[in-house]
Amino acid sequence: MKKTYLTLYLAILLLFTSFSIVWSDKANDPFGKLDVVSVVVDQKPGSDKVVAKVSLLNDENITAIVVPLKYGTGKSPISLDSIGFTNTPVDKFALKNPNIDAKTQRVLIALISTISAADIYLSKGNNEIARLYFTLKKGSGEGSVTLDTTLFPPSNVLQLVKAQDKVAQSIYPGFDNTKGKISFLK
């Protein structure tokens, strides 16, 4: 009898957890136009090096950014070597935490503008926020992967934070990966 209740409890918990994850993944911007995170790949023909630029089009000042991305299936012939923030508007942010999970081919880009002062933020506009540097494995055959947003465990989803009057408010931006395709080398 106890096992039945435990199973029912776990099923209900899983249902509510799944609902909250799916709900939080919906694009929602209560402060104006929908903000959009986009990925644009720069790939030279025949080169094993690829750069992907991650940008944010926003219409309010942003104090924190979370961008979880997947760049393969876990077995794709591609590796993410590094993430760069130099000469981007987020270069002066207090926290820039790129977390690369090579095994699952996911990356979490977490950015926080400042811990104490309120004058550092990402201004309105179309801002490049990171560059991802990839290396392709040669001789892997034809194929491709498109950079996409994902859930990065335990609960990181594509999200922005606007701080106004000492209150943090979440924004769930849209995502554009129409120029996020990486083709593998033959």
N, C-alpha and C. Protein backbone atom coordinates (compact mmCIF):
# COMPACT_ATOMS: atom_id res chain seq x y z
N MET A 1 0.82 -1.19 0.00
CA MET A 1 0.00 0.00 0.00
C MET A 1 0.87 1.26 0.00
N LYS A 2 1.95 1.26 0.81
CA LYS A 2 2.83 2.42 0.87
C LYS A 2 3.53 2.65 -0.47
N LYS A 3 3.87 1.57 -1.15
CA LYS A 3 4.54 1.68 -2.44
C LYS A 3 3.61 2.35 -3.46
N THR A 4 2.31 2.08 -3.41
CA THR A 4 1.34 2.70 -4.30
C THR A 4 1.27 4.20 -4.08
N TYR A 5 1.23 4.61 -2.81
CA TYR A 5 1.19 6.04 -2.49
C TYR A 5 2.48 6.74 -2.92
N LEU A 6 3.60 6.07 -2.71
CA LEU A 6 4.89 6.65 -3.11
C LEU A 6 4.93 6.84 -4.62
N THR A 7 4.48 5.84 -5.36
CA THR A 7 4.45 5.93 -6.82
C THR A 7 3.53 7.05 -7.27
N LEU A 8 2.36 7.15 -6.68
CA LEU A 8 1.41 8.22 -7.01
C LEU A 8 2.01 9.59 -6.69
N TYR A 9 2.64 9.72 -5.54
CA TYR A 9 3.27 10.97 -5.13
C TYR A 9 4.36 11.37 -6.12
N LEU A 10 5.21 10.42 -6.50
CA LEU A 10 6.29 10.71 -7.45
C LEU A 10 5.74 11.09 -8.82
N ALA A 11 4.66 10.44 -9.24
CA ALA A 11 4.04 10.77 -10.53
C ALA A 11 3.50 12.20 -10.52
N ILE A 12 2.83 12.58 -9.44
CA ILE A 12 2.29 13.94 -9.33
C ILE A 12 3.42 14.97 -9.28
N LEU A 13 4.47 14.67 -8.54
CA LEU A 13 5.63 15.56 -8.45
C LEU A 13 6.27 15.74 -9.82
N LEU A 14 6.43 14.65 -10.55
CA LEU A 14 7.00 14.72 -11.90
C LEU A 14 6.12 15.55 -12.82
N LEU A 15 4.81 15.39 -12.73
CA LEU A 15 3.89 16.15 -13.56
C LEU A 15 4.02 17.64 -13.30
N PHE A 16 4.03 18.06 -12.03
CA PHE A 16 4.14 19.48 -11.71
C PHE A 16 5.51 20.04 -12.08
N THR A 17 6.57 19.25 -11.88
CA THR A 17 7.92 19.70 -12.26
C THR A 17 7.99 19.89 -13.77
N SER A 18 7.47 18.93 -14.53
CA SER A 18 7.48 19.04 -15.99
C SER A 18 6.68 20.25 -16.44
N PHE A 19 5.53 20.49 -15.83
CA PHE A 19 4.70 21.63 -16.19
C PHE A 19 5.45 22.94 -15.95
N SER A 20 6.15 23.05 -14.83
CA SER A 20 6.86 24.30 -14.53
C SER A 20 8.02 24.52 -15.48
N ILE A 21 8.69 23.44 -15.89
CA ILE A 21 9.79 23.58 -16.84
C ILE A 21 9.25 24.01 -18.20
N VAL A 22 8.20 23.37 -18.67
CA VAL A 22 7.61 23.72 -19.96
C VAL A 22 7.07 25.14 -19.91
N TRP A 23 6.40 25.51 -18.84
CA TRP A 23 5.83 26.86 -18.70
C TRP A 23 6.92 27.91 -18.74
N SER A 24 8.05 27.65 -18.04
CA SER A 24 9.11 28.65 -17.99
C SER A 24 9.84 28.78 -19.31
N ASP A 25 9.68 27.79 -20.20
CA ASP A 25 10.35 27.82 -21.48
C ASP A 25 9.60 28.64 -22.53
N LYS A 26 8.43 29.15 -22.20
CA LYS A 26 7.65 29.95 -23.14
C LYS A 26 8.19 31.38 -23.15
N ALA A 27 8.35 31.92 -24.36
CA ALA A 27 8.83 33.29 -24.48
C ALA A 27 7.82 34.25 -23.88
N ASN A 28 8.31 35.16 -23.02
CA ASN A 28 7.43 36.10 -22.34
C ASN A 28 8.23 37.32 -21.92
N ASP A 29 7.82 38.49 -22.37
CA ASP A 29 8.48 39.73 -22.00
C ASP A 29 7.42 40.76 -21.63
N PRO A 30 7.17 40.94 -20.32
CA PRO A 30 6.13 41.86 -19.90
C PRO A 30 6.51 43.34 -19.97
N PHE A 31 7.71 43.66 -20.50
CA PHE A 31 8.19 45.04 -20.46
C PHE A 31 8.30 45.70 -21.83
N GLY A 32 7.62 45.18 -22.82
CA GLY A 32 7.70 45.77 -24.15
C GLY A 32 7.76 44.69 -25.20
N LYS A 33 8.53 44.95 -26.26
CA LYS A 33 8.67 43.97 -27.33
C LYS A 33 9.41 42.74 -26.80
N LEU A 34 9.16 41.61 -27.44
CA LEU A 34 9.82 40.38 -27.06
C LEU A 34 11.31 40.47 -27.35
N ASP A 35 12.13 40.27 -26.34
CA ASP A 35 13.58 40.23 -26.53
C ASP A 35 13.92 38.91 -27.22
N VAL A 36 15.03 38.91 -27.98
CA VAL A 36 15.40 37.72 -28.74
C VAL A 36 16.89 37.47 -28.62
N VAL A 37 17.24 36.24 -28.24
CA VAL A 37 18.62 35.77 -28.27
C VAL A 37 18.80 35.08 -29.62
N SER A 38 19.90 35.42 -30.31
CA SER A 38 20.14 34.79 -31.62
C SER A 38 21.56 34.24 -31.69
N VAL A 39 21.72 33.25 -32.56
CA VAL A 39 23.02 32.63 -32.79
C VAL A 39 23.31 32.72 -34.28
N VAL A 40 24.50 33.24 -34.63
CA VAL A 40 24.92 33.34 -36.02
C VAL A 40 26.28 32.65 -36.14
N VAL A 41 26.37 31.66 -37.02
CA VAL A 41 27.58 30.87 -37.21
C VAL A 41 28.41 31.46 -38.34
N ASP A 42 29.73 31.57 -38.12
CA ASP A 42 30.68 31.98 -39.14
C ASP A 42 31.57 30.77 -39.41
N GLN A 43 31.37 30.14 -40.59
CA GLN A 43 32.11 28.94 -40.94
C GLN A 43 32.70 29.10 -42.33
N LYS A 44 34.02 29.06 -42.40
CA LYS A 44 34.71 29.16 -43.69
C LYS A 44 34.75 27.78 -44.34
N PRO A 45 34.49 27.69 -45.65
CA PRO A 45 34.51 26.40 -46.33
C PRO A 45 35.86 25.68 -46.16
N GLY A 46 35.80 24.41 -45.77
CA GLY A 46 37.00 23.59 -45.62
C GLY A 46 37.76 23.77 -44.31
N SER A 47 37.39 24.75 -43.51
CA SER A 47 38.09 24.99 -42.25
C SER A 47 37.50 24.13 -41.13
N ASP A 48 38.36 23.71 -40.21
CA ASP A 48 37.87 22.94 -39.07
C ASP A 48 37.55 23.84 -37.88
N LYS A 49 37.70 25.14 -38.03
CA LYS A 49 37.39 26.12 -36.99
C LYS A 49 36.10 26.85 -37.31
N VAL A 50 35.24 26.98 -36.29
CA VAL A 50 33.94 27.64 -36.46
C VAL A 50 33.74 28.60 -35.29
N VAL A 51 33.19 29.77 -35.57
CA VAL A 51 32.85 30.73 -34.53
C VAL A 51 31.35 30.99 -34.60
N ALA A 52 30.70 30.95 -33.44
CA ALA A 52 29.28 31.27 -33.36
C ALA A 52 29.13 32.48 -32.46
N LYS A 53 28.45 33.50 -32.95
CA LYS A 53 28.21 34.71 -32.17
C LYS A 53 26.82 34.63 -31.55
N VAL A 54 26.75 34.86 -30.25
CA VAL A 54 25.48 34.87 -29.53
C VAL A 54 25.16 36.34 -29.24
N SER A 55 23.98 36.77 -29.67
CA SER A 55 23.58 38.17 -29.50
C SER A 55 22.22 38.25 -28.82
N LEU A 56 21.96 39.42 -28.25
CA LEU A 56 20.69 39.68 -27.59
C LEU A 56 20.12 41.00 -28.10
N LEU A 57 18.92 40.94 -28.64
CA LEU A 57 18.18 42.14 -29.02
C LEU A 57 17.19 42.41 -27.91
N ASN A 58 17.41 43.49 -27.17
CA ASN A 58 16.57 43.78 -25.99
C ASN A 58 16.15 45.25 -25.98
N ASP A 59 14.99 45.50 -25.35
CA ASP A 59 14.48 46.87 -25.28
C ASP A 59 14.39 47.38 -23.85
N GLU A 60 15.15 46.75 -22.95
CA GLU A 60 15.27 47.24 -21.58
C GLU A 60 16.67 46.90 -21.07
N ASN A 61 17.08 47.53 -19.98
CA ASN A 61 18.39 47.25 -19.41
C ASN A 61 18.35 45.90 -18.69
N ILE A 62 19.36 45.08 -18.97
CA ILE A 62 19.40 43.71 -18.45
C ILE A 62 20.57 43.58 -17.48
N THR A 63 20.31 42.94 -16.33
CA THR A 63 21.36 42.76 -15.33
C THR A 63 21.87 41.33 -15.21
N ALA A 64 21.15 40.36 -15.77
CA ALA A 64 21.61 38.97 -15.75
C ALA A 64 21.08 38.24 -16.97
N ILE A 65 21.88 37.29 -17.46
CA ILE A 65 21.54 36.55 -18.67
C ILE A 65 21.90 35.08 -18.45
N VAL A 66 20.99 34.20 -18.83
CA VAL A 66 21.25 32.76 -18.80
C VAL A 66 20.93 32.22 -20.18
N VAL A 67 21.95 31.64 -20.84
CA VAL A 67 21.76 31.08 -22.19
C VAL A 67 22.28 29.64 -22.20
N PRO A 68 21.38 28.67 -22.09
CA PRO A 68 21.79 27.27 -22.23
C PRO A 68 21.65 26.83 -23.69
N LEU A 69 22.72 26.26 -24.24
CA LEU A 69 22.71 25.83 -25.64
C LEU A 69 23.18 24.39 -25.77
N LYS A 70 22.68 23.72 -26.79
CA LYS A 70 23.23 22.41 -27.14
C LYS A 70 23.84 22.54 -28.53
N TYR A 71 24.96 21.84 -28.73
CA TYR A 71 25.66 21.93 -30.01
C TYR A 71 25.93 20.55 -30.60
N GLY A 72 25.16 19.58 -30.18
CA GLY A 72 25.29 18.24 -30.72
C GLY A 72 24.41 17.27 -29.96
N THR A 73 24.59 15.99 -30.28
CA THR A 73 23.79 14.94 -29.67
C THR A 73 24.55 14.19 -28.58
N GLY A 74 25.76 14.60 -28.32
CA GLY A 74 26.61 13.88 -27.39
C GLY A 74 27.66 13.06 -28.13
N LYS A 75 27.41 12.84 -29.41
CA LYS A 75 28.33 12.06 -30.24
C LYS A 75 28.68 12.78 -31.54
N SER A 76 28.28 14.02 -31.67
CA SER A 76 28.55 14.78 -32.88
C SER A 76 30.04 15.10 -32.98
N PRO A 77 30.59 15.12 -34.21
CA PRO A 77 32.03 15.35 -34.40
C PRO A 77 32.41 16.83 -34.28
N ILE A 78 32.16 17.39 -33.12
CA ILE A 78 32.42 18.80 -32.87
C ILE A 78 32.79 18.99 -31.41
N SER A 79 33.71 19.89 -31.15
CA SER A 79 34.04 20.21 -29.75
C SER A 79 34.03 21.72 -29.57
N LEU A 80 33.55 22.13 -28.41
CA LEU A 80 33.55 23.55 -28.05
C LEU A 80 34.82 23.82 -27.26
N ASP A 81 35.73 24.60 -27.86
CA ASP A 81 37.04 24.85 -27.26
C ASP A 81 37.00 25.92 -26.19
N SER A 82 36.29 27.02 -26.46
CA SER A 82 36.27 28.12 -25.50
C SER A 82 35.12 29.07 -25.82
N ILE A 83 34.89 29.97 -24.87
CA ILE A 83 33.87 31.00 -25.02
C ILE A 83 34.54 32.33 -24.72
N GLY A 84 34.32 33.32 -25.59
CA GLY A 84 34.95 34.62 -25.40
C GLY A 84 33.93 35.72 -25.17
N PHE A 85 34.34 36.66 -24.29
CA PHE A 85 33.50 37.82 -24.00
C PHE A 85 34.23 39.13 -24.28
N THR A 86 35.51 39.06 -24.68
CA THR A 86 36.33 40.24 -24.92
C THR A 86 35.71 41.12 -26.00
N ASN A 87 35.72 42.42 -25.74
CA ASN A 87 35.18 43.43 -26.65
C ASN A 87 33.68 43.26 -26.91
N THR A 88 32.97 42.73 -25.94
CA THR A 88 31.50 42.69 -26.00
C THR A 88 30.97 43.57 -24.87
N PRO A 89 29.73 43.97 -24.92
CA PRO A 89 29.16 44.80 -23.85
C PRO A 89 29.13 44.11 -22.48
N VAL A 90 29.23 42.79 -22.44
CA VAL A 90 29.22 42.09 -21.15
C VAL A 90 30.62 41.84 -20.60
N ASP A 91 31.63 42.34 -21.30
CA ASP A 91 33.02 42.14 -20.89
C ASP A 91 33.29 42.64 -19.47
N LYS A 92 32.58 43.68 -19.03
CA LYS A 92 32.79 44.25 -17.70
C LYS A 92 31.84 43.70 -16.65
N PHE A 93 31.02 42.72 -17.02
CA PHE A 93 30.12 42.10 -16.04
C PHE A 93 30.96 41.44 -14.94
N ALA A 94 30.44 41.44 -13.72
CA ALA A 94 31.16 40.89 -12.57
C ALA A 94 31.31 39.37 -12.67
N LEU A 95 30.29 38.69 -13.19
CA LEU A 95 30.33 37.23 -13.29
C LEU A 95 30.06 36.81 -14.72
N LYS A 96 31.03 36.08 -15.28
CA LYS A 96 30.88 35.48 -16.60
C LYS A 96 31.25 34.01 -16.41
N ASN A 97 30.22 33.16 -16.37
CA ASN A 97 30.44 31.75 -16.05
C ASN A 97 30.03 30.86 -17.22
N PRO A 98 30.99 30.51 -18.08
CA PRO A 98 30.67 29.55 -19.14
C PRO A 98 30.91 28.13 -18.62
N ASN A 99 29.88 27.33 -18.65
CA ASN A 99 29.97 25.95 -18.16
C ASN A 99 29.79 25.02 -19.35
N ILE A 100 30.89 24.42 -19.80
CA ILE A 100 30.86 23.54 -20.97
C ILE A 100 30.77 22.09 -20.50
N ASP A 101 29.76 21.38 -20.99
CA ASP A 101 29.61 19.95 -20.73
C ASP A 101 29.88 19.21 -22.04
N ALA A 102 31.14 18.81 -22.22
CA ALA A 102 31.56 18.19 -23.48
C ALA A 102 30.89 16.85 -23.71
N LYS A 103 30.56 16.13 -22.65
CA LYS A 103 29.96 14.81 -22.78
C LYS A 103 28.57 14.87 -23.42
N THR A 104 27.74 15.82 -22.99
CA THR A 104 26.40 15.97 -23.54
C THR A 104 26.33 17.02 -24.64
N GLN A 105 27.45 17.68 -24.91
CA GLN A 105 27.55 18.76 -25.90
C GLN A 105 26.54 19.86 -25.62
N ARG A 106 26.60 20.36 -24.40
CA ARG A 106 25.80 21.50 -23.97
C ARG A 106 26.72 22.53 -23.33
N VAL A 107 26.26 23.76 -23.34
CA VAL A 107 26.99 24.83 -22.68
C VAL A 107 25.99 25.76 -22.00
N LEU A 108 26.35 26.21 -20.83
CA LEU A 108 25.54 27.19 -20.10
C LEU A 108 26.36 28.46 -19.99
N ILE A 109 25.82 29.54 -20.53
CA ILE A 109 26.44 30.86 -20.41
C ILE A 109 25.63 31.63 -19.38
N ALA A 110 26.25 31.92 -18.23
CA ALA A 110 25.58 32.67 -17.17
C ALA A 110 26.34 33.97 -16.94
N LEU A 111 25.63 35.09 -17.00
CA LEU A 111 26.23 36.42 -16.88
C LEU A 111 25.47 37.24 -15.86
N ILE A 112 26.19 37.84 -14.92
CA ILE A 112 25.59 38.75 -13.94
C ILE A 112 26.39 40.04 -13.97
N SER A 113 25.69 41.15 -14.14
CA SER A 113 26.37 42.43 -14.33
C SER A 113 27.16 42.88 -13.12
N THR A 114 26.57 42.84 -11.95
CA THR A 114 27.24 43.33 -10.76
C THR A 114 26.54 42.81 -9.52
N ILE A 115 27.28 42.78 -8.45
CA ILE A 115 26.71 42.31 -7.19
C ILE A 115 26.23 43.51 -6.36
N SER A 116 26.95 44.63 -6.42
CA SER A 116 26.63 45.74 -5.51
C SER A 116 26.08 46.98 -6.20
N ALA A 117 26.72 47.41 -7.27
CA ALA A 117 26.31 48.68 -7.90
C ALA A 117 25.19 48.45 -8.90
N ALA A 118 24.36 49.45 -9.09
CA ALA A 118 23.21 49.32 -9.99
C ALA A 118 23.45 49.98 -11.34
N ASP A 119 24.65 50.50 -11.57
CA ASP A 119 24.88 51.25 -12.79
C ASP A 119 25.50 50.42 -13.91
N ILE A 120 25.80 49.14 -13.66
CA ILE A 120 26.34 48.29 -14.71
C ILE A 120 25.22 47.37 -15.19
N TYR A 121 24.95 47.40 -16.46
CA TYR A 121 23.91 46.56 -17.04
C TYR A 121 24.14 46.50 -18.54
N LEU A 122 23.44 45.61 -19.21
CA LEU A 122 23.47 45.54 -20.66
C LEU A 122 22.42 46.50 -21.17
N SER A 123 22.86 47.49 -21.92
CA SER A 123 21.96 48.52 -22.44
C SER A 123 21.03 47.97 -23.51
N LYS A 124 19.99 48.74 -23.76
CA LYS A 124 19.05 48.41 -24.83
C LYS A 124 19.79 48.34 -26.15
N GLY A 125 19.36 47.45 -27.03
CA GLY A 125 19.96 47.38 -28.36
C GLY A 125 20.19 45.96 -28.81
N ASN A 126 20.95 45.83 -29.89
CA ASN A 126 21.34 44.53 -30.41
C ASN A 126 22.78 44.31 -30.01
N ASN A 127 22.99 43.53 -28.95
CA ASN A 127 24.31 43.39 -28.33
C ASN A 127 24.85 41.98 -28.48
N GLU A 128 26.10 41.89 -28.96
CA GLU A 128 26.78 40.60 -28.95
C GLU A 128 27.17 40.30 -27.50
N ILE A 129 26.83 39.09 -27.01
CA ILE A 129 27.13 38.78 -25.62
C ILE A 129 28.18 37.69 -25.45
N ALA A 130 28.47 36.92 -26.51
CA ALA A 130 29.50 35.87 -26.38
C ALA A 130 29.87 35.37 -27.77
N ARG A 131 31.08 34.77 -27.83
CA ARG A 131 31.55 34.08 -29.02
C ARG A 131 31.94 32.67 -28.61
N LEU A 132 31.43 31.70 -29.35
CA LEU A 132 31.75 30.30 -29.08
C LEU A 132 32.71 29.81 -30.15
N TYR A 133 33.82 29.20 -29.72
CA TYR A 133 34.85 28.74 -30.64
C TYR A 133 34.85 27.20 -30.69
N PHE A 134 34.55 26.66 -31.87
CA PHE A 134 34.43 25.22 -32.06
C PHE A 134 35.54 24.69 -32.95
N THR A 135 35.82 23.40 -32.79
CA THR A 135 36.69 22.67 -33.70
C THR A 135 35.92 21.46 -34.20
N LEU A 136 35.94 21.25 -35.53
CA LEU A 136 35.29 20.11 -36.14
C LEU A 136 36.29 18.98 -36.32
N LYS A 137 35.84 17.75 -36.14
CA LYS A 137 36.70 16.59 -36.35
C LYS A 137 36.65 16.23 -37.82
N LYS A 138 37.82 16.11 -38.44
CA LYS A 138 37.89 15.80 -39.86
C LYS A 138 37.56 14.33 -40.10
N GLY A 139 37.06 14.06 -41.30
CA GLY A 139 36.77 12.69 -41.70
C GLY A 139 35.54 12.10 -41.05
N SER A 140 34.62 12.92 -40.62
CA SER A 140 33.45 12.42 -39.92
C SER A 140 32.25 12.18 -40.83
N GLY A 141 32.40 12.48 -42.11
CA GLY A 141 31.29 12.30 -43.03
C GLY A 141 30.40 13.53 -43.08
N GLU A 142 29.39 13.45 -43.93
CA GLU A 142 28.49 14.58 -44.08
C GLU A 142 27.52 14.67 -42.91
N GLY A 143 27.08 15.86 -42.64
CA GLY A 143 26.10 16.08 -41.58
C GLY A 143 26.19 17.50 -41.07
N SER A 144 25.34 17.80 -40.14
CA SER A 144 25.34 19.14 -39.56
C SER A 144 24.65 19.11 -38.21
N VAL A 145 24.82 20.19 -37.49
CA VAL A 145 24.12 20.40 -36.23
C VAL A 145 23.72 21.87 -36.19
N THR A 146 22.56 22.15 -35.64
CA THR A 146 22.11 23.52 -35.47
C THR A 146 22.11 23.85 -33.98
N LEU A 147 22.80 24.92 -33.62
CA LEU A 147 22.83 25.34 -32.22
C LEU A 147 21.41 25.66 -31.78
N ASP A 148 21.05 25.19 -30.60
CA ASP A 148 19.68 25.37 -30.13
C ASP A 148 19.68 25.58 -28.63
N THR A 149 18.62 26.20 -28.14
CA THR A 149 18.47 26.36 -26.70
C THR A 149 18.00 25.03 -26.10
N THR A 150 18.29 24.84 -24.83
CA THR A 150 17.99 23.58 -24.17
C THR A 150 17.80 23.80 -22.69
N LEU A 151 17.37 22.78 -22.00
CA LEU A 151 17.35 22.79 -20.54
C LEU A 151 18.73 22.33 -20.08
N PHE A 152 19.38 23.10 -19.24
CA PHE A 152 20.67 22.73 -18.69
C PHE A 152 20.44 22.38 -17.22
N PRO A 153 20.57 21.09 -16.88
CA PRO A 153 20.23 20.66 -15.51
C PRO A 153 20.98 21.46 -14.45
N PRO A 154 20.39 21.74 -13.29
CA PRO A 154 19.12 21.17 -12.89
C PRO A 154 17.90 21.92 -13.43
N SER A 155 17.98 23.24 -13.62
CA SER A 155 16.76 23.94 -14.06
C SER A 155 17.06 25.23 -14.81
N ASN A 156 18.16 25.31 -15.51
CA ASN A 156 18.51 26.52 -16.24
C ASN A 156 17.86 26.54 -17.61
N VAL A 157 17.10 27.58 -17.87
CA VAL A 157 16.44 27.80 -19.16
C VAL A 157 16.86 29.18 -19.68
N LEU A 158 16.56 29.44 -20.94
CA LEU A 158 16.86 30.73 -21.54
C LEU A 158 16.10 31.81 -20.77
N GLN A 159 16.86 32.73 -20.14
CA GLN A 159 16.23 33.71 -19.26
C GLN A 159 17.08 34.96 -19.14
N LEU A 160 16.40 36.08 -18.99
CA LEU A 160 17.04 37.38 -18.71
C LEU A 160 16.47 37.90 -17.40
N VAL A 161 17.23 38.79 -16.76
CA VAL A 161 16.74 39.41 -15.54
C VAL A 161 16.90 40.92 -15.67
N LYS A 162 15.82 41.59 -15.38
CA LYS A 162 15.81 43.05 -15.34
C LYS A 162 15.66 43.45 -13.88
N ALA A 163 16.58 44.26 -13.40
CA ALA A 163 16.47 44.75 -12.03
C ALA A 163 16.00 46.19 -12.06
N GLN A 164 14.89 46.43 -11.39
CA GLN A 164 14.33 47.78 -11.34
C GLN A 164 13.82 48.02 -9.93
N ASP A 165 14.23 49.13 -9.36
CA ASP A 165 13.84 49.48 -7.99
C ASP A 165 14.17 48.35 -7.02
N LYS A 166 15.36 47.76 -7.19
CA LYS A 166 15.87 46.69 -6.33
C LYS A 166 15.02 45.43 -6.35
N VAL A 167 14.25 45.26 -7.44
CA VAL A 167 13.44 44.05 -7.60
C VAL A 167 13.86 43.37 -8.90
N ALA A 168 14.21 42.09 -8.82
CA ALA A 168 14.59 41.32 -10.00
C ALA A 168 13.34 40.77 -10.67
N GLN A 169 13.25 40.97 -11.99
CA GLN A 169 12.09 40.51 -12.73
C GLN A 169 12.56 39.67 -13.92
N SER A 170 12.00 38.48 -14.08
CA SER A 170 12.41 37.57 -15.14
C SER A 170 11.76 37.91 -16.47
N ILE A 171 12.55 37.68 -17.52
CA ILE A 171 12.10 37.81 -18.90
C ILE A 171 12.52 36.52 -19.60
N TYR A 172 11.60 35.92 -20.34
CA TYR A 172 11.91 34.73 -21.11
C TYR A 172 11.91 35.12 -22.58
N PRO A 173 13.11 35.33 -23.16
CA PRO A 173 13.19 35.83 -24.53
C PRO A 173 12.88 34.76 -25.57
N GLY A 174 12.67 35.23 -26.79
CA GLY A 174 12.57 34.33 -27.92
C GLY A 174 13.96 33.87 -28.31
N PHE A 175 14.04 32.91 -29.23
CA PHE A 175 15.33 32.38 -29.66
C PHE A 175 15.31 32.22 -31.18
N ASP A 176 16.35 32.74 -31.83
CA ASP A 176 16.48 32.66 -33.29
C ASP A 176 17.77 31.94 -33.64
N ASN A 177 17.63 30.73 -34.20
CA ASN A 177 18.81 29.99 -34.62
C ASN A 177 18.78 29.70 -36.12
N THR A 178 18.10 30.55 -36.88
CA THR A 178 18.00 30.33 -38.32
C THR A 178 19.36 30.42 -39.02
N LYS A 179 20.35 31.06 -38.37
CA LYS A 179 21.70 31.13 -38.92
C LYS A 179 22.68 30.39 -38.00
N GLY A 180 22.18 29.36 -37.31
CA GLY A 180 22.99 28.64 -36.33
C GLY A 180 23.42 27.25 -36.75
N LYS A 181 23.45 26.99 -38.06
CA LYS A 181 23.81 25.66 -38.55
C LYS A 181 25.31 25.53 -38.77
N ILE A 182 25.88 24.42 -38.29
CA ILE A 182 27.29 24.09 -38.48
C ILE A 182 27.34 22.81 -39.31
N SER A 183 28.06 22.85 -40.44
CA SER A 183 28.20 21.66 -41.30
C SER A 183 29.51 20.96 -40.97
N PHE A 184 29.45 19.62 -40.90
CA PHE A 184 30.65 18.83 -40.57
C PHE A 184 31.53 18.67 -41.79
N LEU A 185 32.81 18.38 -41.53
CA LEU A 185 33.78 18.16 -42.61
C LEU A 185 33.71 16.73 -43.11
N LYS A 186 34.03 16.55 -44.36
CA LYS A 186 34.07 15.18 -44.92
C LYS A 186 35.38 14.51 -44.60
